[in-house]
Structures are given as C-alpha cells and as structure tokens.
Amino acid sequence: MNFRLSSEQESIQKAAAEFAQGEFDKDVALEHERKHSFPYEIWKRACELGFIGIHYPDNCGGQEYGVLENVLVAEAFCRQDSGLGIALSHADSTAEMILRFGTDEQKVKYLTPLCTGKAISSGAFTEPDHGSDIRSLGTTAVRDGDDYVINGSKMFISNGPIADFIIILCQTDLTIEPSYRGQSVIIVEKDSPGYTAADVGEKMGNKMTPTGELSFSDVRVPKANLIGKEGQGFYQALRILEEIRVEISAQALGIAQGAFDRAFAYVKQRKQFGRRLIDFQATQHTLSELMTKIETARLMVYKAAWAIDQEQIDPMLISMAKMHAARVAVEVADEAIQLFGGYGYMLEYEVERFYRDARLMGIFGGTREVQKNTIARELMK
C-alpha cells in the first residue's frame, strides 16, 4: 500500500496552498465576513488558474483530474481561510450531477461557465418539511408537451440566492409507490419565470456562502434540462451526495488544520508566568492530541476520495470520514480558542470564525445522525 500522494498531486496541493496564501487576505476575508458577501474576484482568479472544476473534462475548462485532487484543493483553501475556502470550493455546488449523469451538451453548456468564472451553481434537494429525508418530496415537475412545469419550494440551499442555475430534485411521477422511485433531477436557470430565491437571513457562520429559500411557481423548463433518466433522480442524488460529502469532509479537514496552525504559532510566541505556552507540558499534550485527530481524519478523507476515483464507492467509509472530520474540526477549533484565551474570542484572531464555520460541517450535506444511519445500515448488511 502506498500512502504517498503522487508528485503531480503534491504539486496541485502546493499550488492551491500558494494561491490561498497569496489571495486570501485577512482584511478582505473580514470584510466579506461582516458584509456576508461572496468573494467574486478571488473566485474568478481561482477559476482562471484551474482550481474550480479541476475534476471536470478539459473540453469544459476542467483538467480531467479526480475527486482526490479536488479534495486537495478544498482542504488547502479552507486551511488558509475557512469562509473563503468554503465559498470557493462550493461555487460549483452539486454540478457533479451533470458531470456523472448529464449529456455531452449539458456538460459543455453548464460545466464550462463554472470552470471559467462565468457561473455559480446550486443543488436543491432539501425541503422545509422534509429536511435530510429526500425520499419524500413536495416539489413536483409535471410534463406538459416538451416542457416540465415545476411547483414547490426548497430550503437551506447553499448558493441559492446567487446561483446562475439550480440542480433540483423533484417528483415527476405523482402516483408511483414508493414515491422516491418517481423522482427526477432537472436544471432550472435563474431567469426562469416563476422562480424566486430569497436569502434565509443571519447565520452563525459560513457567511460568505449565501443560503437561500427557493420557490417555484409554474416554472416551465424544457425537457432537455432533465439530467439522466426520468425516475432515476433519487438514486442519482444518493450517488452525488457521496462526492459532496467527501468534499465537505475535506473542508472540515482544512478548517481543523487551519485552526491548529494558528494555535500552534500563537503558543510558540505567547508567554505566561515567564515561559512560552508551548513549554508547558499541558500545552504540548493538547497539541499532540489535536494533531493525532487531524491526521486520522486526513487518512479517512483521502481514502474515501481515492476509493471514488477507483470506482469503489464505500458509503460507510464516506459517512465515517464526514462524521469524523466534522467532529475533529469543531474539537480542534474549540481547543484553539482555549489556547488563545481571551484573544481567541475576538473576530480578528480568526479562530473563533473557524469554530463557527466548523460547526456547520456536522450539518452540511447530511447531519451526523444521517451519517450514523448510513454506517449502521452498512454494518447490518
């Protein structure tokens, strides 16, 4: 077994880290945090250098890499800044649905602008009354000639208010039992009549990525916007959620490492009682425990991404990686604040923001309870 990244993967990791170090200015990040604004200019530069959609086809502007390379970029970005990292790595939200199941025409039309900094995507699965349970949907899409007519609503949708197109899971067969066998995935463009998106309002963290409530009132879209086959949406969503969860795991991993980096640098220079904090054994033990947790999360996240690239998708491993990395991110960020003391509670010292962004990781893309259900189900087989 070879646990080393290839030289090419190491180069991607290094390039992503150098880009983030050069572009993720602390003051700019604070400005976006306070304004709750998406970092468009930094995102466009990331697109120009090929970091966004690195795993998409080259004829769409991608670089033909895999999920692991995409994970390396997300980790490096979030390590440098949690808010900017999440915003950039999630700018092509759920577009893997088009990558894995879309037609060649759909891939060129929708993936190309994602890679070239001309569009942002959003995936709309969650509904106000159903949460993580996508087996039951209230949003419907009824065939009318060569179109689908969509009605319903979606809630807590990342990028919803700024997305140029939305990949929506809806019910196309209203009579089939169980109902999830009649779900389909359809692309809705933002200027479609009857479609509206509203920001959900103030959030604890993740403030640079807007979260929306989407409404569809007799929204008419052509049948050419159907992704894959009608009635296969539920199964397609389960497949794509695996990739989404691995990326979120990488974001959590980056947040954990970033919080650790800041705490480590701080305790090396901060003095109390005439000694540096790092010279106290209690501090050394805390750092040792945190680094051990980070490394175990990294092993799981990388393995889960590698397995997808080998077409050996392991739902239990993916759920373990997401649940564990999310928990580690919160624990490391929490201890980082403790090591900073009162300064850690202040916005300008970053670790409190890392903590707030880390807390989302256990909810984002499926709660930890959902991950436990998946792990238990796989164990029971």
Protein backbone atom coordinates (compact mmCIF):
# COMPACT_ATOMS: atom_id res chain seq x y z
CA MET A 1 0.00 0.00 0.00
CA ASN A 2 1.30 3.42 -0.97
CA PHE A 3 0.10 6.23 1.29
CA ARG A 4 2.03 8.95 -0.52
CA LEU A 5 0.49 11.42 -2.93
CA SER A 6 1.93 11.34 -6.43
CA SER A 7 4.35 14.12 -7.42
CA GLU A 8 1.58 15.62 -9.53
CA GLN A 9 -0.86 15.59 -6.63
CA GLU A 10 1.75 17.17 -4.37
CA SER A 11 2.21 19.91 -6.96
CA ILE A 12 -1.54 20.56 -7.03
CA GLN A 13 -1.62 20.68 -3.23
CA LYS A 14 1.30 23.12 -3.17
CA ALA A 15 -0.16 25.32 -5.90
CA ALA A 16 -3.52 25.54 -4.13
CA ALA A 17 -1.82 26.43 -0.85
CA GLU A 18 0.31 29.12 -2.52
CA PHE A 19 -2.71 30.59 -4.26
CA ALA A 20 -4.64 30.75 -0.99
CA GLN A 21 -1.71 32.28 0.88
CA GLY A 22 -1.34 34.95 -1.79
CA GLU A 23 -5.02 35.74 -2.39
CA PHE A 24 -6.81 35.14 0.92
CA ASP A 25 -6.01 38.46 2.53
CA LYS A 26 -7.09 38.57 6.19
CA ASP A 27 -8.64 42.03 5.93
CA VAL A 28 -10.52 41.10 2.76
CA ALA A 29 -11.85 37.97 4.47
CA LEU A 30 -13.06 40.03 7.43
CA GLU A 31 -14.80 42.45 5.08
CA HIS A 32 -16.66 39.63 3.36
CA GLU A 33 -17.47 38.09 6.74
CA ARG A 34 -19.00 41.31 8.02
CA LYS A 35 -20.89 42.05 4.79
CA HIS A 36 -21.95 38.42 4.25
CA SER A 37 -20.74 38.79 0.66
CA PHE A 38 -19.44 36.23 -1.82
CA PRO A 39 -15.75 36.77 -2.83
CA TYR A 40 -16.34 37.10 -6.57
CA GLU A 41 -12.92 38.49 -7.51
CA ILE A 42 -10.96 35.79 -5.67
CA TRP A 43 -13.29 33.14 -7.12
CA LYS A 44 -12.66 34.37 -10.66
CA ARG A 45 -8.90 34.22 -10.17
CA ALA A 46 -9.24 30.68 -8.79
CA CYS A 47 -11.18 29.76 -11.94
CA GLU A 48 -8.54 31.31 -14.19
CA LEU A 49 -5.87 29.13 -12.57
CA GLY A 50 -7.95 25.97 -12.93
CA PHE A 51 -8.72 25.26 -9.28
CA ILE A 52 -12.50 25.32 -9.69
CA GLY A 53 -13.78 22.26 -11.55
CA ILE A 54 -10.34 20.67 -11.57
CA HIS A 55 -12.09 17.29 -11.89
CA TYR A 56 -14.21 18.30 -14.92
CA PRO A 57 -13.45 17.40 -18.59
CA ASP A 58 -10.90 19.54 -20.42
CA ASN A 59 -13.41 20.42 -23.16
CA CYS A 60 -15.44 22.12 -20.40
CA GLY A 61 -12.48 24.01 -18.96
CA GLY A 62 -11.52 21.39 -16.38
CA GLN A 63 -8.28 19.44 -16.05
CA GLU A 64 -9.54 15.85 -16.07
CA TYR A 65 -8.38 15.16 -12.51
CA GLY A 66 -10.25 13.13 -9.92
CA VAL A 67 -12.09 13.58 -6.65
CA LEU A 68 -8.86 13.30 -4.64
CA GLU A 69 -7.30 16.25 -6.46
CA ASN A 70 -10.47 18.27 -5.88
CA VAL A 71 -10.26 17.34 -2.19
CA LEU A 72 -6.65 18.58 -2.00
CA VAL A 73 -7.73 21.97 -3.33
CA ALA A 74 -10.68 22.27 -0.94
CA GLU A 75 -8.50 21.32 2.02
CA ALA A 76 -5.78 23.83 1.13
CA PHE A 77 -8.29 26.65 0.63
CA CYS A 78 -10.10 26.02 3.93
CA ARG A 79 -6.81 25.67 5.78
CA GLN A 80 -5.92 29.21 4.79
CA ASP A 81 -9.36 30.67 5.49
CA SER A 82 -12.50 28.78 6.47
CA GLY A 83 -15.03 31.22 4.98
CA LEU A 84 -13.24 31.90 1.72
CA GLY A 85 -12.33 28.25 1.38
CA ILE A 86 -15.90 27.02 1.70
CA ALA A 87 -17.22 29.71 -0.66
CA LEU A 88 -14.74 28.92 -3.43
CA SER A 89 -14.75 25.13 -3.17
CA HIS A 90 -18.56 25.13 -3.09
CA ALA A 91 -19.05 27.53 -6.02
CA ASP A 92 -19.80 24.58 -8.33
CA SER A 93 -22.20 23.02 -5.86
CA THR A 94 -23.77 19.72 -6.99
CA ALA A 95 -22.57 20.11 -10.58
CA GLU A 96 -21.15 16.60 -10.27
CA MET A 97 -24.72 15.59 -11.09
CA ILE A 98 -24.19 16.93 -14.61
CA LEU A 99 -20.66 15.50 -14.74
CA ARG A 100 -21.78 11.97 -13.87
CA PHE A 101 -25.24 11.78 -15.47
CA GLY A 102 -25.62 14.70 -17.89
CA THR A 103 -25.49 14.65 -21.67
CA ASP A 104 -22.47 15.94 -23.55
CA GLU A 105 -24.46 19.03 -24.47
CA GLN A 106 -25.38 19.67 -20.82
CA LYS A 107 -21.76 19.27 -19.73
CA VAL A 108 -20.49 21.83 -22.23
CA LYS A 109 -23.34 24.26 -21.58
CA TYR A 110 -23.26 24.21 -17.77
CA LEU A 111 -19.84 22.98 -16.63
CA THR A 112 -17.86 25.32 -18.88
CA PRO A 113 -19.08 28.56 -17.25
CA LEU A 114 -18.43 27.05 -13.81
CA CYS A 115 -14.79 26.45 -14.70
CA THR A 116 -14.30 29.81 -16.41
CA GLY A 117 -15.73 32.04 -13.71
CA LYS A 118 -18.93 32.88 -15.51
CA ALA A 119 -21.47 30.95 -13.43
CA ILE A 120 -22.17 29.60 -9.96
CA SER A 121 -24.34 26.54 -9.39
CA SER A 122 -26.59 25.31 -6.63
CA GLY A 123 -28.11 21.95 -5.71
CA ALA A 124 -31.64 21.97 -4.32
CA PHE A 125 -32.60 18.76 -2.52
CA THR A 126 -33.70 19.86 0.98
CA GLU A 127 -37.29 20.98 1.57
CA PRO A 128 -38.86 22.88 4.51
CA ASP A 129 -40.96 19.91 5.68
CA HIS A 130 -38.57 17.05 4.94
CA GLY A 131 -35.02 18.15 5.78
CA SER A 132 -32.50 15.38 5.10
CA ASP A 133 -35.22 12.89 4.15
CA ILE A 134 -35.17 13.15 0.35
CA ARG A 135 -37.37 10.07 -0.05
CA SER A 136 -40.40 12.35 0.30
CA LEU A 137 -40.70 15.47 -1.83
CA GLY A 138 -43.33 18.16 -2.12
CA THR A 139 -41.76 19.80 -5.17
CA THR A 140 -43.28 18.45 -8.37
CA ALA A 141 -42.40 18.60 -12.06
CA VAL A 142 -45.27 17.68 -14.41
CA ARG A 143 -44.75 17.05 -18.12
CA ASP A 144 -46.60 19.44 -20.43
CA GLY A 145 -45.67 18.82 -24.04
CA ASP A 146 -41.95 19.38 -24.42
CA ASP A 147 -41.64 21.07 -21.04
CA TYR A 148 -41.73 20.36 -17.32
CA VAL A 149 -43.81 22.62 -15.10
CA ILE A 150 -42.29 22.85 -11.61
CA ASN A 151 -44.04 23.84 -8.39
CA GLY A 152 -42.80 23.73 -4.81
CA SER A 153 -40.06 25.06 -2.56
CA LYS A 154 -36.59 24.21 -1.29
CA MET A 155 -34.89 25.34 1.92
CA PHE A 156 -31.35 25.92 3.22
CA ILE A 157 -29.88 25.85 -0.29
CA SER A 158 -26.22 26.87 -0.50
CA ASN A 159 -25.57 29.48 -3.22
CA GLY A 160 -29.32 29.66 -3.85
CA PRO A 161 -29.53 33.49 -3.92
CA ILE A 162 -26.56 33.88 -6.30
CA ALA A 163 -26.73 30.72 -8.44
CA ASP A 164 -26.98 31.07 -12.20
CA PHE A 165 -28.62 27.67 -12.40
CA ILE A 166 -30.08 25.24 -9.88
CA ILE A 167 -29.98 21.45 -10.00
CA ILE A 168 -33.30 20.49 -8.43
CA LEU A 169 -34.62 17.13 -7.22
CA CYS A 170 -38.37 16.88 -7.73
CA GLN A 171 -41.25 14.42 -8.05
CA THR A 172 -42.10 13.66 -11.68
CA ASP A 173 -44.34 10.63 -11.08
CA LEU A 174 -47.09 11.53 -8.60
CA THR A 175 -48.66 8.06 -8.37
CA ILE A 176 -45.79 5.59 -8.05
CA GLU A 177 -45.11 3.79 -4.75
CA PRO A 178 -42.74 4.15 -3.04
CA SER A 179 -42.65 7.76 -4.18
CA TYR A 180 -38.86 8.06 -4.39
CA ARG A 181 -38.94 5.83 -7.48
CA GLY A 182 -40.65 8.67 -9.29
CA GLN A 183 -38.08 11.41 -8.62
CA SER A 184 -36.04 13.18 -11.27
CA VAL A 185 -33.33 15.84 -11.44
CA ILE A 186 -33.87 18.94 -13.57
CA ILE A 187 -31.81 22.07 -14.28
CA VAL A 188 -33.55 25.41 -13.68
CA GLU A 189 -31.91 28.62 -14.83
CA LYS A 190 -32.15 31.69 -12.61
CA ASP A 191 -34.11 33.87 -15.06
CA SER A 192 -36.91 31.31 -15.46
CA PRO A 193 -40.33 32.98 -14.93
CA GLY A 194 -41.92 31.89 -11.66
CA TYR A 195 -38.61 31.12 -9.94
CA THR A 196 -37.52 33.21 -6.94
CA ALA A 197 -34.72 32.92 -4.42
CA ALA A 198 -34.53 34.69 -1.05
CA ASP A 199 -31.71 34.74 1.47
CA VAL A 200 -32.63 32.91 4.70
CA GLY A 201 -31.05 35.66 6.82
CA GLU A 202 -28.41 35.87 9.53
CA LYS A 203 -26.38 32.72 10.21
CA MET A 204 -23.93 31.62 12.88
CA GLY A 205 -21.17 31.03 10.32
CA ASN A 206 -20.46 30.29 6.65
CA LYS A 207 -21.38 33.90 5.96
CA MET A 208 -19.60 34.23 2.62
CA THR A 209 -21.74 31.50 1.08
CA PRO A 210 -25.36 32.71 0.85
CA THR A 211 -28.07 30.27 1.86
CA GLY A 212 -31.47 30.53 0.22
CA GLU A 213 -35.09 29.58 0.24
CA LEU A 214 -36.18 28.76 -3.31
CA SER A 215 -39.72 28.98 -4.65
CA PHE A 216 -41.07 27.50 -7.89
CA SER A 217 -44.46 28.65 -9.17
CA ASP A 218 -45.37 27.14 -12.55
CA VAL A 219 -41.74 27.32 -13.61
CA ARG A 220 -41.53 25.98 -17.15
CA VAL A 221 -38.29 24.38 -18.34
CA PRO A 222 -37.58 22.30 -21.47
CA LYS A 223 -37.36 18.52 -21.14
CA ALA A 224 -33.78 18.85 -22.41
CA ASN A 225 -32.97 20.08 -18.89
CA LEU A 226 -33.67 16.65 -17.41
CA ILE A 227 -30.43 15.11 -16.10
CA GLY A 228 -30.18 11.39 -16.80
CA LYS A 229 -33.38 9.39 -16.96
CA GLU A 230 -36.77 10.28 -15.56
CA GLY A 231 -37.47 8.38 -12.34
CA GLN A 232 -33.77 7.94 -11.50
CA GLY A 233 -33.32 11.17 -9.53
CA PHE A 234 -33.29 9.61 -6.06
CA TYR A 235 -30.55 7.17 -6.99
CA GLN A 236 -28.56 9.86 -8.78
CA ALA A 237 -28.85 12.09 -5.71
CA LEU A 238 -27.54 9.33 -3.42
CA ARG A 239 -24.55 8.86 -5.73
CA ILE A 240 -23.73 12.56 -5.91
CA LEU A 241 -24.20 13.09 -2.19
CA GLU A 242 -21.26 10.73 -1.69
CA GLU A 243 -18.98 13.11 -3.63
CA ILE A 244 -20.45 16.17 -1.93
CA ARG A 245 -19.82 14.65 1.49
CA VAL A 246 -16.22 13.85 0.67
CA GLU A 247 -15.66 17.47 -0.39
CA ILE A 248 -17.29 18.70 2.82
CA SER A 249 -15.03 16.32 4.75
CA ALA A 250 -12.06 17.97 3.04
CA GLN A 251 -13.37 21.40 4.00
CA ALA A 252 -13.66 20.23 7.62
CA LEU A 253 -10.15 18.80 7.47
CA GLY A 254 -8.79 22.10 6.16
CA ILE A 255 -10.60 24.05 8.86
CA ALA A 256 -9.16 21.79 11.56
CA GLN A 257 -5.63 22.15 10.21
CA GLY A 258 -6.02 25.90 9.80
CA ALA A 259 -7.21 26.35 13.39
CA PHE A 260 -4.33 24.17 14.59
CA ASP A 261 -1.78 26.17 12.58
CA ARG A 262 -2.89 29.42 14.19
CA ALA A 263 -2.93 27.98 17.69
CA PHE A 264 0.49 26.39 17.22
CA ALA A 265 2.01 29.67 16.00
CA TYR A 266 0.42 31.54 18.91
CA VAL A 267 1.61 29.27 21.73
CA LYS A 268 5.17 29.41 20.39
CA GLN A 269 5.35 33.17 20.94
CA ARG A 270 2.86 33.87 23.77
CA LYS A 271 4.38 33.94 27.28
CA GLN A 272 2.70 33.38 30.63
CA PHE A 273 4.44 33.19 34.01
CA GLY A 274 7.76 33.81 32.31
CA ARG A 275 7.51 30.85 29.93
CA ARG A 276 6.17 30.29 26.43
CA LEU A 277 2.86 28.49 26.41
CA ILE A 278 4.34 25.70 24.30
CA ASP A 279 6.89 24.98 27.02
CA PHE A 280 4.13 23.79 29.35
CA GLN A 281 3.57 20.05 29.18
CA ALA A 282 -0.21 20.54 29.28
CA THR A 283 0.00 22.58 26.08
CA GLN A 284 2.23 20.00 24.41
CA HIS A 285 -0.21 17.21 25.26
CA THR A 286 -3.14 19.20 23.87
CA LEU A 287 -1.28 19.84 20.62
CA SER A 288 -0.34 16.16 20.37
CA GLU A 289 -3.94 15.05 20.75
CA LEU A 290 -5.19 17.58 18.21
CA MET A 291 -2.61 16.62 15.60
CA THR A 292 -3.46 12.95 16.06
CA LYS A 293 -7.14 13.68 15.45
CA ILE A 294 -6.34 15.73 12.34
CA GLU A 295 -4.15 13.01 10.88
CA THR A 296 -6.75 10.28 11.42
CA ALA A 297 -9.33 12.48 9.69
CA ARG A 298 -6.93 13.13 6.81
CA LEU A 299 -6.36 9.41 6.27
CA MET A 300 -10.10 8.74 6.13
CA VAL A 301 -10.88 11.67 3.83
CA TYR A 302 -8.11 10.86 1.37
CA LYS A 303 -9.04 7.18 1.35
CA ALA A 304 -12.71 7.98 0.70
CA ALA A 305 -11.79 10.29 -2.20
CA TRP A 306 -9.33 7.76 -3.62
CA ALA A 307 -11.95 5.00 -3.47
CA ILE A 308 -14.41 7.07 -5.53
CA ASP A 309 -11.72 7.64 -8.15
CA GLN A 310 -11.18 3.86 -8.26
CA GLU A 311 -14.96 3.40 -8.70
CA GLN A 312 -15.03 1.58 -5.36
CA ILE A 313 -17.55 3.81 -3.63
CA ASP A 314 -17.89 2.88 0.03
CA PRO A 315 -20.88 4.64 1.68
CA MET A 316 -19.78 3.57 5.16
CA LEU A 317 -16.27 4.94 4.73
CA ILE A 318 -17.60 8.19 3.27
CA SER A 319 -20.02 8.69 6.16
CA MET A 320 -17.29 7.83 8.66
CA ALA A 321 -14.96 10.36 7.03
CA LYS A 322 -17.57 13.11 7.06
CA MET A 323 -18.74 12.47 10.61
CA HIS A 324 -15.20 12.19 11.98
CA ALA A 325 -13.72 15.15 10.07
CA ALA A 326 -16.65 17.36 11.07
CA ARG A 327 -16.23 16.45 14.72
CA VAL A 328 -12.46 16.96 14.60
CA ALA A 329 -12.92 20.40 13.02
CA VAL A 330 -15.12 21.52 15.92
CA GLU A 331 -12.87 19.99 18.58
CA VAL A 332 -9.67 21.49 17.16
CA ALA A 333 -11.21 24.92 16.66
CA ASP A 334 -12.60 24.83 20.19
CA GLU A 335 -9.21 23.97 21.68
CA ALA A 336 -7.58 26.63 19.51
CA ILE A 337 -9.82 29.26 21.10
CA GLN A 338 -8.90 27.92 24.52
CA LEU A 339 -5.19 28.16 23.77
CA PHE A 340 -5.61 31.75 22.59
CA GLY A 341 -7.56 32.61 25.73
CA GLY A 342 -9.49 35.88 25.55
CA TYR A 343 -7.91 36.75 22.22
CA GLY A 344 -9.39 33.62 20.70
CA TYR A 345 -12.85 35.00 21.31
CA MET A 346 -12.13 38.08 19.19
CA LEU A 347 -13.10 38.21 15.50
CA GLU A 348 -9.73 39.45 14.24
CA TYR A 349 -7.87 36.43 15.60
CA GLU A 350 -9.72 34.13 13.17
CA VAL A 351 -10.02 31.01 15.32
CA GLU A 352 -13.49 32.00 16.56
CA ARG A 353 -14.60 32.24 12.92
CA PHE A 354 -13.01 28.88 12.19
CA TYR A 355 -15.08 27.49 15.08
CA ARG A 356 -18.32 28.97 13.76
CA ASP A 357 -17.65 27.66 10.26
CA ALA A 358 -16.58 24.26 11.61
CA ARG A 359 -19.92 23.82 13.37
CA LEU A 360 -21.68 23.71 10.01
CA MET A 361 -19.71 20.67 8.89
CA GLY A 362 -21.77 18.31 11.04
CA ILE A 363 -25.00 19.53 9.40
CA PHE A 364 -23.96 20.44 5.86
CA GLY A 365 -24.62 17.75 3.24
CA GLY A 366 -26.37 15.46 5.72
CA THR A 367 -26.32 15.62 9.51
CA ARG A 368 -24.12 13.40 11.62
CA GLU A 369 -27.26 11.43 12.51
CA VAL A 370 -27.74 10.68 8.82
CA GLN A 371 -24.12 9.54 8.62
CA LYS A 372 -24.64 7.26 11.63
CA ASN A 373 -27.69 5.76 9.95
CA THR A 374 -25.63 5.03 6.84
CA ILE A 375 -22.83 3.45 8.85
CA ALA A 376 -25.27 1.32 10.82
CA ARG A 377 -27.10 0.23 7.67
CA GLU A 378 -23.84 -0.87 6.05
CA LEU A 379 -22.83 -2.72 9.21
CA MET A 380 -26.14 -4.59 9.22
CA LYS A 381 -25.76 -5.89 5.68
